[in-house]
Amino acid sequence: MKKTIFFLSFLALTSTVMAQTLTTSSAVVKFDASTPKDALPKAENKTVTASLDKSTGALAFEATVNNFAFTNPTIQAHFNEEKWMNSAKFPKFIFIGKVDKINKIKFTKDGTYSVKVSGNLTVKGVAVPVSAPATVTITNGVVSATTTFSIKLKDFGITGQAIDAGKVAEKPTVAVSVQF
């Protein structure tokens, strides 16, 4: 009997803790390094995992580099090569951070909330601080969030002729869209 009560108590506690963390495996990250000289360096990854702890604001997402889809297969091949993303050695890029002032978001009430997200984006094994405004929307209990920010490719050790020639932006835009 004591074991049953202990197990049920543990299960209830675990369920409460788990209810505080939202997860998804279908977040979307868009990468746009297009320039006036070349509109093609744009990609989208629709298989990004993400999590948000509603009580602490802890936020994370992880994207598999090979899952970024470009319209031009040659650009996609270059993107994954050693000089660029080196997806064989660094198969994922990861953001680990926090939603500032998470307590201002009312997860039980429909609404739109402007927040700030800050943390570290790790690409090719290099972690760089990122801070950006984000929008969190609650609709019928469904939580979604969006943010857009720019990165400097050279911060992650990404350089090359295409950047120097103006065919790839030095500061591409990253847009993240999540529905939990």
Protein backbone atom coordinates (compact mmCIF):
# COMPACT_ATOMS: atom_id res chain seq x y z
CA MET A 1 0.00 0.00 0.00
CA LYS A 2 2.83 2.43 0.87
CA LYS A 3 4.46 1.68 -2.49
CA THR A 4 1.21 2.44 -4.32
CA ILE A 5 0.77 5.77 -2.51
CA PHE A 6 4.42 6.67 -3.15
CA PHE A 7 4.08 5.79 -6.85
CA LEU A 8 0.87 7.80 -7.26
CA SER A 9 2.44 10.78 -5.45
CA PHE A 10 5.51 10.57 -7.69
CA LEU A 11 3.30 10.34 -10.79
CA ALA A 12 1.26 13.39 -9.72
CA LEU A 13 4.41 15.41 -9.01
CA THR A 14 5.97 14.43 -12.34
CA SER A 15 2.78 15.37 -14.21
CA THR A 16 2.73 18.79 -12.54
CA VAL A 17 6.36 19.47 -13.42
CA MET A 18 5.91 18.21 -16.99
CA ALA A 19 2.86 20.45 -17.47
CA GLN A 20 5.15 23.46 -16.98
CA THR A 21 7.32 22.53 -19.98
CA LEU A 22 5.99 22.86 -23.51
CA THR A 23 7.72 20.98 -26.33
CA THR A 24 7.42 20.55 -30.06
CA SER A 25 9.33 18.85 -32.85
CA SER A 26 7.88 20.92 -35.67
CA ALA A 27 9.17 24.43 -35.06
CA VAL A 28 10.41 26.29 -38.12
CA VAL A 29 13.68 28.17 -38.60
CA LYS A 30 14.21 30.26 -41.71
CA PHE A 31 17.68 31.38 -42.78
CA ASP A 32 17.93 34.30 -45.21
CA ALA A 33 21.36 35.30 -46.49
CA SER A 34 20.07 36.76 -49.75
CA THR A 35 21.57 39.94 -51.21
CA PRO A 36 20.74 42.23 -54.14
CA LYS A 37 23.22 40.14 -56.17
CA ASP A 38 21.69 36.76 -55.28
CA ALA A 39 18.18 36.04 -53.98
CA LEU A 40 18.75 32.29 -53.62
CA PRO A 41 20.62 31.85 -50.31
CA LYS A 42 17.42 31.25 -48.34
CA ALA A 43 16.55 28.06 -46.48
CA GLU A 44 13.86 26.65 -44.25
CA ASN A 45 13.99 23.88 -41.65
CA LYS A 46 10.61 22.54 -40.52
CA THR A 47 11.89 19.82 -38.17
CA VAL A 48 13.26 21.93 -35.33
CA THR A 49 12.73 20.81 -31.74
CA ALA A 50 11.92 23.43 -29.13
CA SER A 51 11.01 23.64 -25.46
CA LEU A 52 9.73 26.35 -23.14
CA ASP A 53 9.44 26.14 -19.37
CA LYS A 54 6.41 28.28 -18.50
CA SER A 55 7.54 28.82 -14.92
CA THR A 56 11.22 29.74 -15.40
CA GLY A 57 11.25 31.03 -18.99
CA ALA A 58 13.97 28.56 -19.98
CA LEU A 59 13.86 28.29 -23.76
CA ALA A 60 15.77 26.05 -26.16
CA PHE A 61 15.67 25.00 -29.78
CA GLU A 62 17.79 22.64 -31.83
CA ALA A 63 17.98 22.34 -35.60
CA THR A 64 19.68 19.67 -37.67
CA VAL A 65 21.85 21.48 -40.21
CA ASN A 66 21.18 18.95 -43.02
CA ASN A 67 17.43 19.64 -42.74
CA PHE A 68 17.74 23.20 -44.05
CA ALA A 69 16.14 23.09 -47.51
CA PHE A 70 17.28 25.52 -50.21
CA THR A 71 15.57 25.89 -53.59
CA ASN A 72 18.95 25.47 -55.28
CA PRO A 73 20.63 22.08 -54.57
CA THR A 74 24.10 23.54 -55.26
CA ILE A 75 23.67 26.16 -52.55
CA GLN A 76 22.40 23.46 -50.18
CA ALA A 77 25.51 21.36 -50.86
CA HIS A 78 27.79 24.36 -50.26
CA PHE A 79 25.90 25.21 -47.05
CA ASN A 80 26.70 21.77 -45.60
CA GLU A 81 30.36 21.69 -46.71
CA GLU A 82 33.30 21.99 -44.36
CA LYS A 83 33.97 25.67 -45.24
CA TRP A 84 30.44 26.68 -44.29
CA MET A 85 28.35 24.79 -41.73
CA ASN A 86 30.49 21.62 -41.72
CA SER A 87 27.38 19.57 -40.95
CA ALA A 88 29.40 16.33 -40.82
CA LYS A 89 31.34 17.60 -37.80
CA PHE A 90 28.69 19.96 -36.38
CA PRO A 91 25.31 18.38 -37.25
CA LYS A 92 23.17 20.71 -35.12
CA PHE A 93 22.86 24.29 -34.14
CA ILE A 94 21.42 25.02 -30.74
CA PHE A 95 19.92 27.99 -28.92
CA ILE A 96 19.73 27.88 -25.12
CA GLY A 97 18.32 30.91 -23.38
CA LYS A 98 15.47 32.46 -21.53
CA VAL A 99 12.31 34.49 -22.04
CA ASP A 100 12.73 37.58 -19.87
CA LYS A 101 9.82 38.40 -17.53
CA ILE A 102 8.01 35.12 -18.26
CA ASN A 103 5.63 35.86 -15.38
CA LYS A 104 3.99 38.61 -17.48
CA ILE A 105 2.64 35.97 -19.88
CA LYS A 106 -0.78 34.64 -18.84
CA PHE A 107 -0.72 31.12 -20.29
CA THR A 108 -4.36 30.49 -19.30
CA LYS A 109 -5.72 33.56 -21.10
CA ASP A 110 -5.78 34.41 -24.81
CA GLY A 111 -3.48 37.30 -25.65
CA THR A 112 -0.36 38.56 -27.36
CA TYR A 113 2.75 39.39 -25.36
CA SER A 114 5.89 41.22 -26.43
CA VAL A 115 8.92 39.80 -24.66
CA LYS A 116 12.68 39.69 -24.96
CA VAL A 117 14.58 36.45 -25.53
CA SER A 118 18.26 36.17 -24.74
CA GLY A 119 20.75 33.34 -24.67
CA ASN A 120 23.51 31.67 -26.68
CA LEU A 121 23.29 30.44 -30.24
CA THR A 122 25.83 27.70 -30.92
CA VAL A 123 26.83 27.13 -34.54
CA LYS A 124 29.89 25.09 -35.56
CA GLY A 125 30.77 24.68 -31.88
CA VAL A 126 30.92 28.46 -31.31
CA ALA A 127 28.46 30.00 -28.82
CA VAL A 128 27.51 33.62 -29.47
CA PRO A 129 25.16 35.69 -27.28
CA VAL A 130 21.87 36.60 -28.96
CA SER A 131 19.14 38.92 -27.71
CA ALA A 132 15.98 39.67 -29.65
CA PRO A 133 12.40 40.81 -29.25
CA ALA A 134 9.83 38.03 -29.54
CA THR A 135 6.07 37.73 -29.66
CA VAL A 136 4.24 35.07 -27.67
CA THR A 137 0.60 34.45 -28.56
CA ILE A 138 -1.92 32.38 -26.63
CA THR A 139 -4.99 31.30 -28.62
CA ASN A 140 -7.46 28.79 -27.17
CA GLY A 141 -4.70 27.45 -24.91
CA VAL A 142 -2.21 26.99 -27.76
CA VAL A 143 1.10 28.79 -27.25
CA SER A 144 3.01 30.09 -30.26
CA ALA A 145 6.05 32.33 -30.49
CA THR A 146 8.04 34.14 -33.15
CA THR A 147 11.30 36.05 -33.27
CA THR A 148 13.68 37.35 -35.89
CA PHE A 149 17.31 38.30 -35.41
CA SER A 150 20.50 38.76 -37.40
CA ILE A 151 23.80 36.99 -36.92
CA LYS A 152 27.30 37.76 -38.18
CA LEU A 153 28.66 34.78 -40.10
CA LYS A 154 32.26 35.66 -39.20
CA ASP A 155 31.36 35.31 -35.48
CA PHE A 156 30.94 31.60 -36.20
CA GLY A 157 34.05 31.31 -38.35
CA ILE A 158 32.08 31.33 -41.62
CA THR A 159 33.85 33.23 -44.39
CA GLY A 160 34.38 32.82 -48.11
CA GLN A 161 34.36 34.17 -51.62
CA ALA A 162 30.56 34.24 -51.90
CA ILE A 163 30.38 36.58 -48.89
CA ASP A 164 33.24 38.74 -50.18
CA ALA A 165 31.58 38.95 -53.62
CA GLY A 166 28.27 40.05 -52.11
CA LYS A 167 26.39 36.88 -53.10
CA VAL A 168 25.78 35.88 -49.47
CA ALA A 169 24.90 38.38 -46.75
CA GLU A 170 27.50 38.95 -44.04
CA LYS A 171 24.62 39.32 -41.56
CA PRO A 172 21.85 36.89 -42.51
CA THR A 173 18.47 36.95 -40.82
CA VAL A 174 17.20 34.02 -38.76
CA ALA A 175 13.45 33.76 -38.15
CA VAL A 176 12.07 31.27 -35.64
CA SER A 177 8.42 30.26 -35.45
CA VAL A 178 7.18 27.84 -32.81
CA GLN A 179 3.78 26.39 -32.00
CA PHE A 180 3.66 24.22 -28.89
